[in-house]
Amino acid sequence: MPEQFTDYFRQCLHHLFTAARTVSLLSLLPLIALSIAVPLLTSCGEKSAEKPAPPRPVRYVVVAPSAFGQAVVRTGEIRAHDETTLAFRLDGRMVSRLVDIGDRVRAGQVLARLESTTGQNQLTSAKADLDAAKASGQVAALNLSRMQKLMPSGAIARTQLDSARADWLTAASRLKSSQAALRNAEDNLAWTQLTSPADGVITGVSASAGQVVSAGQTVFTLATSDRRDVVIDIADPQRLSADTAARFPVALLADPAVQTTGTVRDVSPQADPQTRTWRVRLTLQTPPAAMALGASVTVALPADVGSGPGGDHYAVPATAIARLDDRPAVFVIDNNQQVQLRPVALAGYTASLAIIASGVAPGDKVVTAGVSKLRTGEKVIPGEPQ
């Protein structure tokens, strides 16, 4: 209870007790209640008055031209320049797999085998049919020779000679059919073994021993040359369409000191339906050994001309980006220590940065944390610049 109210209450009690000597105490009760209620209501009103919110502490960065003004960096993966998928030509159960990922293979080397019992039985049957066809052909040839010798003497009829010639032609045709069936059986038996078509490195394995595979199902992926490509996804393929012979810097992500260059090999004609990006393959020029298959690399692509003053870009933390009417924006601290929401144009993103093409200038103080709770014109206390 405030000190003024205490003094006032004491004075009221003193006057009341003085008056009680001549006036009945019961008649003074309304006056006592009124004298107590008025200070109480006045005191409550003073406590309910709201104080203005203190300025909010914020973190910020000072905008400066970024290296992204000269290039936009994309992350990609090293792939083989020439890759071949290998599969069996027959259905069957794979009984053995002789190589694994990373193995170097030679042309003609056996990589895997299918169960060959059926193929072996077909080969045996084809050989037996061929032997029977040969025997029938020999008998038909001998019979035709006899008929041809007897015909001039009139010992046989003309029809008998024609019949012998027909039998010989039939036997010859059967012999050719049996020979073709034997070759098919030999091929089917050979196809139970999957061999390498060229020297290379196994980069992918899709089946294991004991698995039933169908004809044409991918079992291995083979890199058939030592040349390498880098695969990246970009949202603006027009960056590369101007000069396909240009060389782009490529650096190893784990060790940026390992560098080389790449030229555009091809650009996907259609965007990915999920990511809405285009796949680009660049052929590496004399790639170092550290850029092995599957390694992650960075590719520096040219920036858009005319973005920002003099073509400069500005990198700020991605947490600084807010929204203004469905457009990207940032909070800028003015000279009165108030924040103003300013729309910007973005040139791209990295894992932790937003690349601004226009909307800010060097020296601007951009708030980097808590932008979702700020309002235009709000007073802030800037901390140390990041």
Protein backbone atom coordinates (compact mmCIF):
# COMPACT_ATOMS: atom_id res chain seq x y z
CA MET A 1 0.00 0.00 0.00
CA PRO A 2 1.52 3.40 -0.97
CA GLU A 3 2.84 5.66 1.82
CA GLN A 4 0.42 8.53 0.92
CA PHE A 5 -2.56 6.24 1.30
CA THR A 6 -1.33 5.11 4.76
CA ASP A 7 -1.05 8.70 6.01
CA TYR A 8 -4.45 9.57 4.57
CA PHE A 9 -6.04 6.53 6.23
CA ARG A 10 -4.58 7.47 9.63
CA GLN A 11 -5.93 11.01 9.37
CA CYS A 12 -9.40 9.69 8.50
CA LEU A 13 -9.45 7.40 11.52
CA HIS A 14 -8.36 10.25 13.79
CA HIS A 15 -11.21 12.50 12.61
CA LEU A 16 -13.71 9.68 12.90
CA PHE A 17 -12.82 8.84 16.46
CA THR A 18 -13.00 12.53 17.33
CA ALA A 19 -16.46 12.82 15.85
CA ALA A 20 -17.64 9.63 17.52
CA ARG A 21 -17.94 11.50 20.80
CA THR A 22 -20.96 13.50 19.55
CA VAL A 23 -22.33 11.38 16.68
CA SER A 24 -23.43 7.75 16.64
CA LEU A 25 -20.80 5.39 15.16
CA LEU A 26 -23.49 3.58 13.13
CA SER A 27 -24.29 6.71 11.14
CA LEU A 28 -20.62 7.10 10.20
CA LEU A 29 -20.23 3.66 8.58
CA PRO A 30 -21.05 4.86 4.97
CA LEU A 31 -18.49 7.63 5.34
CA ILE A 32 -15.83 5.18 6.53
CA ALA A 33 -16.45 2.84 3.58
CA LEU A 34 -16.27 5.72 1.09
CA SER A 35 -13.05 7.09 2.57
CA ILE A 36 -11.39 3.67 2.25
CA ALA A 37 -12.69 2.81 -1.29
CA VAL A 38 -11.58 6.05 -3.01
CA PRO A 39 -7.83 5.63 -2.31
CA LEU A 40 -8.00 1.93 -3.14
CA LEU A 41 -9.54 2.59 -6.57
CA THR A 42 -7.01 5.33 -7.25
CA SER A 43 -4.13 3.00 -6.30
CA CYS A 44 -5.39 0.17 -8.57
CA GLY A 45 -5.68 2.53 -11.51
CA GLU A 46 -2.05 3.55 -11.11
CA LYS A 47 -0.88 -0.09 -11.14
CA SER A 48 -2.87 -1.03 -14.30
CA ALA A 49 -1.16 1.58 -16.50
CA GLU A 50 1.00 -0.31 -19.05
CA LYS A 51 4.60 0.66 -19.59
CA PRO A 52 6.00 0.81 -23.17
CA ALA A 53 7.94 -2.31 -24.28
CA PRO A 54 11.73 -1.90 -24.06
CA PRO A 55 13.76 -1.96 -27.30
CA ARG A 56 14.52 -5.48 -28.53
CA PRO A 57 18.22 -6.54 -28.75
CA VAL A 58 19.08 -7.84 -32.23
CA ARG A 59 22.02 -9.26 -34.14
CA TYR A 60 22.98 -7.90 -37.53
CA VAL A 61 25.52 -7.98 -40.33
CA VAL A 62 26.94 -5.11 -42.33
CA VAL A 63 26.32 -5.65 -46.05
CA ALA A 64 29.42 -5.88 -48.24
CA PRO A 65 30.03 -7.07 -51.83
CA SER A 66 30.39 -10.86 -51.95
CA ALA A 67 32.52 -13.18 -54.02
CA PHE A 68 29.24 -14.63 -55.22
CA GLY A 69 28.98 -11.59 -57.48
CA GLN A 70 31.53 -13.21 -59.75
CA ALA A 71 30.36 -16.82 -59.50
CA VAL A 72 27.57 -18.97 -58.11
CA VAL A 73 28.78 -22.18 -56.50
CA ARG A 74 26.96 -25.48 -57.00
CA THR A 75 27.75 -28.83 -55.40
CA GLY A 76 28.01 -31.93 -57.60
CA GLU A 77 29.20 -35.53 -57.71
CA ILE A 78 31.95 -37.20 -59.72
CA ARG A 79 30.60 -39.83 -62.15
CA ALA A 80 32.18 -41.99 -64.83
CA HIS A 81 32.23 -40.47 -68.31
CA ASP A 82 31.07 -43.74 -69.90
CA GLU A 83 28.90 -46.15 -67.91
CA THR A 84 27.39 -49.44 -69.08
CA THR A 85 24.69 -51.43 -67.32
CA LEU A 86 25.25 -55.19 -67.52
CA ALA A 87 22.47 -57.80 -67.37
CA PHE A 88 21.84 -61.45 -68.22
CA ARG A 89 20.05 -62.27 -71.47
CA LEU A 90 18.11 -65.09 -69.80
CA ASP A 91 15.86 -65.56 -66.80
CA GLY A 92 17.23 -67.68 -64.00
CA ARG A 93 18.67 -67.97 -60.52
CA MET A 94 22.09 -66.42 -60.03
CA VAL A 95 24.31 -68.98 -58.33
CA SER A 96 27.50 -66.91 -57.98
CA ARG A 97 28.76 -63.33 -58.15
CA LEU A 98 32.49 -63.02 -58.69
CA VAL A 99 33.10 -59.25 -58.39
CA ASP A 100 32.03 -56.39 -56.16
CA ILE A 101 31.89 -52.59 -56.25
CA GLY A 102 35.28 -51.02 -56.96
CA ASP A 103 36.81 -54.10 -58.61
CA ARG A 104 38.75 -53.59 -61.85
CA VAL A 105 37.77 -56.09 -64.55
CA ARG A 106 39.12 -57.07 -67.97
CA ALA A 107 37.25 -57.61 -71.21
CA GLY A 108 35.81 -61.14 -71.30
CA GLN A 109 36.15 -61.71 -67.55
CA VAL A 110 33.28 -63.68 -65.98
CA LEU A 111 31.40 -61.52 -63.48
CA ALA A 112 28.46 -63.76 -62.45
CA ARG A 113 26.80 -67.08 -63.31
CA LEU A 114 23.24 -68.38 -63.59
CA GLU A 115 22.08 -71.91 -62.86
CA SER A 116 23.05 -73.84 -66.04
CA THR A 117 21.35 -77.23 -65.67
CA THR A 118 18.57 -76.41 -68.12
CA GLY A 119 21.01 -74.94 -70.62
CA GLN A 120 23.21 -78.02 -70.42
CA ASN A 121 20.22 -80.30 -71.06
CA GLN A 122 19.21 -78.25 -74.09
CA LEU A 123 22.74 -78.49 -75.46
CA THR A 124 22.79 -82.28 -75.05
CA SER A 125 19.41 -82.58 -76.80
CA ALA A 126 20.58 -80.37 -79.67
CA LYS A 127 23.72 -82.47 -80.17
CA ALA A 128 21.64 -85.65 -80.32
CA ASP A 129 19.29 -84.12 -82.90
CA LEU A 130 22.27 -83.07 -84.96
CA ASP A 131 23.74 -86.59 -84.93
CA ALA A 132 20.39 -88.05 -86.02
CA ALA A 133 20.09 -85.47 -88.80
CA LYS A 134 23.59 -86.34 -90.05
CA ALA A 135 22.77 -90.05 -90.14
CA SER A 136 19.51 -89.44 -92.00
CA GLY A 137 21.33 -87.20 -94.45
CA GLN A 138 23.95 -89.86 -95.19
CA VAL A 139 21.30 -92.55 -95.83
CA ALA A 140 19.32 -90.21 -98.07
CA ALA A 141 22.47 -89.33 -100.03
CA LEU A 142 23.39 -93.00 -100.57
CA ASN A 143 19.86 -93.90 -101.67
CA LEU A 144 19.80 -91.01 -104.14
CA SER A 145 23.15 -92.13 -105.58
CA ARG A 146 21.83 -95.69 -106.19
CA MET A 147 18.68 -94.44 -107.86
CA GLN A 148 20.66 -92.20 -110.16
CA LYS A 149 22.81 -95.21 -111.28
CA LEU A 150 19.80 -97.50 -111.87
CA MET A 151 17.69 -94.97 -113.70
CA PRO A 152 19.51 -95.13 -117.10
CA SER A 153 19.05 -98.94 -117.34
CA GLY A 154 15.31 -98.66 -116.72
CA ALA A 155 15.47 -100.79 -113.54
CA ILE A 156 13.47 -98.22 -111.56
CA ALA A 157 10.65 -95.86 -112.32
CA ARG A 158 11.08 -92.13 -112.59
CA THR A 159 8.97 -91.55 -109.52
CA GLN A 160 11.35 -93.57 -107.38
CA LEU A 161 14.22 -91.27 -108.34
CA ASP A 162 12.13 -88.20 -107.56
CA SER A 163 11.18 -89.63 -104.18
CA ALA A 164 14.84 -90.36 -103.33
CA ARG A 165 15.81 -86.82 -104.30
CA ALA A 166 13.03 -85.40 -102.06
CA ASP A 167 14.19 -87.52 -99.12
CA TRP A 168 17.72 -86.26 -99.58
CA LEU A 169 16.59 -82.60 -99.64
CA THR A 170 14.49 -83.14 -96.51
CA ALA A 171 17.44 -84.70 -94.69
CA ALA A 172 19.70 -81.81 -95.73
CA SER A 173 17.17 -79.26 -94.40
CA ARG A 174 16.83 -81.15 -91.13
CA LEU A 175 20.61 -81.13 -90.80
CA LYS A 176 20.71 -77.33 -91.16
CA SER A 177 17.91 -76.96 -88.60
CA SER A 178 19.74 -79.20 -86.13
CA GLN A 179 22.94 -77.23 -86.58
CA ALA A 180 21.08 -73.96 -85.87
CA ALA A 181 19.43 -75.48 -82.79
CA LEU A 182 22.86 -76.57 -81.54
CA ARG A 183 24.24 -73.06 -81.95
CA ASN A 184 21.22 -71.65 -80.01
CA ALA A 185 21.77 -74.15 -77.22
CA GLU A 186 25.46 -73.24 -77.06
CA ASP A 187 24.58 -69.54 -76.91
CA ASN A 188 22.00 -70.09 -74.18
CA LEU A 189 24.53 -72.02 -72.13
CA ALA A 190 27.13 -69.29 -72.67
CA TRP A 191 24.63 -66.63 -71.61
CA THR A 192 24.37 -68.20 -68.18
CA GLN A 193 27.72 -66.47 -67.61
CA LEU A 194 27.80 -62.67 -67.49
CA THR A 195 31.09 -61.36 -68.89
CA SER A 196 32.60 -57.89 -69.06
CA PRO A 197 32.40 -56.26 -72.51
CA ALA A 198 35.46 -54.06 -71.88
CA ASP A 199 38.08 -53.12 -69.34
CA GLY A 200 36.77 -50.95 -66.54
CA VAL A 201 35.67 -50.57 -62.91
CA ILE A 202 32.51 -51.93 -61.32
CA THR A 203 30.60 -48.90 -59.95
CA GLY A 204 27.31 -50.55 -59.03
CA VAL A 205 25.93 -53.97 -57.99
CA SER A 206 22.18 -54.67 -58.06
CA ALA A 207 21.86 -58.43 -57.42
CA SER A 208 23.33 -61.09 -55.17
CA ALA A 209 23.92 -64.83 -55.36
CA GLY A 210 20.73 -66.85 -54.91
CA GLN A 211 18.51 -64.14 -56.36
CA VAL A 212 16.21 -64.91 -59.30
CA VAL A 213 16.76 -62.32 -62.03
CA SER A 214 14.90 -61.64 -65.23
CA ALA A 215 16.36 -61.07 -68.67
CA GLY A 216 17.59 -57.49 -68.98
CA GLN A 217 17.53 -56.77 -65.24
CA THR A 218 20.56 -54.68 -64.25
CA VAL A 219 23.13 -56.65 -62.27
CA PHE A 220 26.27 -54.49 -62.59
CA THR A 221 27.18 -50.95 -63.64
CA LEU A 222 30.55 -50.74 -65.37
CA ALA A 223 32.65 -47.60 -65.90
CA THR A 224 34.44 -48.37 -69.14
CA SER A 225 36.96 -45.51 -69.22
CA ASP A 226 39.12 -43.42 -66.89
CA ARG A 227 37.47 -40.17 -67.98
CA ARG A 228 35.24 -38.51 -65.40
CA ASP A 229 32.28 -36.16 -65.35
CA VAL A 230 30.73 -34.02 -62.64
CA VAL A 231 26.94 -33.96 -62.34
CA ILE A 232 25.18 -30.88 -60.93
CA ASP A 233 21.57 -29.62 -60.79
CA ILE A 234 20.87 -25.97 -61.61
CA ALA A 235 17.71 -23.88 -61.68
CA ASP A 236 18.82 -21.62 -64.53
CA PRO A 237 20.38 -23.51 -67.48
CA GLN A 238 20.73 -20.25 -69.41
CA ARG A 239 23.93 -19.66 -67.43
CA LEU A 240 25.59 -22.29 -69.62
CA SER A 241 23.86 -21.83 -72.97
CA ALA A 242 25.91 -18.83 -74.08
CA ASP A 243 29.27 -20.60 -74.46
CA THR A 244 29.37 -24.39 -74.30
CA ALA A 245 33.16 -24.38 -74.79
CA ALA A 246 33.77 -22.35 -71.62
CA ARG A 247 35.68 -23.95 -68.77
CA PHE A 248 34.33 -23.83 -65.23
CA PRO A 249 36.46 -24.14 -62.07
CA VAL A 250 35.90 -27.40 -60.17
CA ALA A 251 37.26 -27.98 -56.65
CA LEU A 252 37.13 -30.95 -54.31
CA LEU A 253 34.66 -30.25 -51.49
CA ALA A 254 36.80 -31.99 -48.86
CA ASP A 255 39.99 -30.20 -50.01
CA PRO A 256 39.36 -27.01 -52.06
CA ALA A 257 43.06 -26.88 -52.95
CA VAL A 258 42.49 -29.84 -55.31
CA GLN A 259 41.16 -28.16 -58.44
CA THR A 260 40.62 -28.66 -62.16
CA THR A 261 38.28 -27.37 -64.87
CA GLY A 262 35.27 -28.82 -66.66
CA THR A 263 33.44 -28.24 -69.93
CA VAL A 264 29.73 -28.73 -70.53
CA ARG A 265 28.97 -32.18 -71.93
CA ASP A 266 25.18 -31.98 -71.98
CA VAL A 267 22.22 -30.24 -70.31
CA SER A 268 19.00 -32.11 -69.61
CA PRO A 269 16.28 -30.86 -71.99
CA GLN A 270 13.60 -31.18 -69.31
CA ALA A 271 13.42 -30.10 -65.68
CA ASP A 272 13.04 -32.64 -62.91
CA PRO A 273 9.33 -32.72 -61.95
CA GLN A 274 10.12 -32.77 -58.22
CA THR A 275 12.97 -30.26 -57.83
CA ARG A 276 12.31 -28.17 -60.98
CA THR A 277 16.04 -28.17 -61.76
CA TRP A 278 18.00 -29.21 -64.85
CA ARG A 279 20.75 -31.84 -64.69
CA VAL A 280 24.08 -30.80 -66.18
CA ARG A 281 27.12 -33.00 -66.90
CA LEU A 282 30.55 -31.41 -67.21
CA THR A 283 33.57 -33.34 -68.49
CA LEU A 284 36.63 -32.85 -66.29
CA GLN A 285 39.92 -31.92 -67.91
CA THR A 286 42.83 -33.99 -66.49
CA PRO A 287 41.09 -34.72 -63.15
CA PRO A 288 43.44 -35.32 -60.19
CA ALA A 289 43.46 -38.73 -58.54
CA ALA A 290 41.76 -37.30 -55.44
CA MET A 291 38.61 -36.67 -57.52
CA ALA A 292 37.57 -40.32 -57.37
CA LEU A 293 34.22 -41.66 -58.48
CA GLY A 294 31.50 -40.55 -56.09
CA ALA A 295 33.49 -37.65 -54.59
CA SER A 296 31.68 -34.37 -53.89
CA VAL A 297 32.97 -31.26 -55.67
CA THR A 298 31.99 -27.61 -56.12
CA VAL A 299 31.50 -25.95 -59.49
CA ALA A 300 31.72 -22.17 -59.93
CA LEU A 301 29.18 -20.91 -62.46
CA PRO A 302 29.01 -17.35 -63.86
CA ALA A 303 26.65 -14.94 -62.11
CA ASP A 304 23.87 -13.09 -63.91
CA VAL A 305 25.10 -9.86 -65.49
CA GLY A 306 23.44 -6.67 -64.23
CA SER A 307 22.36 -7.99 -60.82
CA GLY A 308 23.04 -5.34 -58.19
CA PRO A 309 25.24 -2.26 -58.61
CA GLY A 310 28.03 -3.13 -61.00
CA GLY A 311 26.87 -6.74 -61.08
CA ASP A 312 27.72 -7.25 -57.36
CA HIS A 313 25.92 -9.74 -55.14
CA TYR A 314 25.60 -9.63 -51.36
CA ALA A 315 25.71 -12.66 -49.09
CA VAL A 316 23.73 -12.61 -45.82
CA PRO A 317 22.76 -15.44 -43.46
CA ALA A 318 19.68 -17.30 -44.66
CA THR A 319 18.00 -16.53 -41.30
CA ALA A 320 17.83 -12.85 -42.31
CA ILE A 321 15.21 -13.46 -45.02
CA ALA A 322 11.62 -12.42 -44.18
CA ARG A 323 8.54 -11.89 -46.39
CA LEU A 324 6.75 -8.77 -47.62
CA ASP A 325 3.63 -9.38 -49.75
CA ASP A 326 4.91 -12.83 -50.84
CA ARG A 327 8.28 -11.33 -51.77
CA PRO A 328 11.60 -11.89 -49.98
CA ALA A 329 12.64 -9.02 -47.73
CA VAL A 330 15.11 -8.10 -44.96
CA PHE A 331 14.95 -5.86 -41.89
CA VAL A 332 17.41 -2.96 -42.15
CA ILE A 333 18.38 -0.86 -39.08
CA ASP A 334 18.13 2.88 -39.84
CA ASN A 335 19.91 5.81 -38.15
CA ASN A 336 17.15 6.07 -35.52
CA GLN A 337 17.82 2.51 -34.35
CA GLN A 338 14.52 1.38 -35.86
CA VAL A 339 14.02 -1.55 -38.26
CA GLN A 340 12.53 -1.10 -41.72
CA LEU A 341 11.35 -4.06 -43.85
CA ARG A 342 12.86 -3.75 -47.32
CA PRO A 343 12.09 -6.06 -50.31
CA VAL A 344 15.07 -7.69 -52.05
CA ALA A 345 15.76 -9.80 -55.13
CA LEU A 346 17.54 -13.11 -54.50
CA ALA A 347 20.14 -14.59 -56.84
CA GLY A 348 20.33 -17.96 -55.08
CA TYR A 349 21.09 -19.87 -51.91
CA THR A 350 23.89 -21.95 -50.40
CA ALA A 351 23.68 -24.25 -47.38
CA SER A 352 23.74 -21.28 -44.95
CA LEU A 353 23.64 -18.06 -47.02
CA ALA A 354 21.15 -16.13 -49.12
CA ILE A 355 22.66 -14.34 -52.12
CA ILE A 356 20.97 -10.94 -52.67
CA ALA A 357 21.11 -9.45 -56.16
CA SER A 358 19.42 -6.11 -55.39
CA GLY A 359 17.55 -4.27 -52.64
CA VAL A 360 20.45 -3.57 -50.27
CA ALA A 361 23.64 -1.55 -50.52
CA PRO A 362 27.09 -1.82 -48.94
CA GLY A 363 26.99 -0.52 -45.36
CA ASP A 364 23.36 -1.46 -44.64
CA LYS A 365 22.80 -3.17 -41.30
CA VAL A 366 20.65 -6.28 -41.87
CA VAL A 367 19.06 -8.07 -38.91
CA THR A 368 19.97 -11.78 -38.90
CA ALA A 369 17.96 -13.32 -36.04
CA GLY A 370 14.37 -13.16 -34.80
CA VAL A 371 13.03 -11.51 -37.95
CA SER A 372 9.67 -13.27 -37.54
CA LYS A 373 8.98 -11.26 -34.34
CA LEU A 374 10.01 -7.83 -35.63
CA ARG A 375 7.68 -5.16 -36.99
CA THR A 376 8.46 -2.19 -39.22
CA GLY A 377 9.34 0.88 -37.15
CA GLU A 378 10.14 -1.12 -34.00
CA LYS A 379 12.96 0.22 -31.81
CA VAL A 380 15.92 -2.14 -31.41
CA ILE A 381 19.26 -2.31 -29.63
CA PRO A 382 21.93 -3.49 -32.11
CA GLY A 383 24.52 -5.87 -30.69
CA GLU A 384 27.96 -6.57 -32.06
CA PRO A 385 27.99 -7.01 -35.87
CA GLN A 386 28.55 -10.58 -37.07
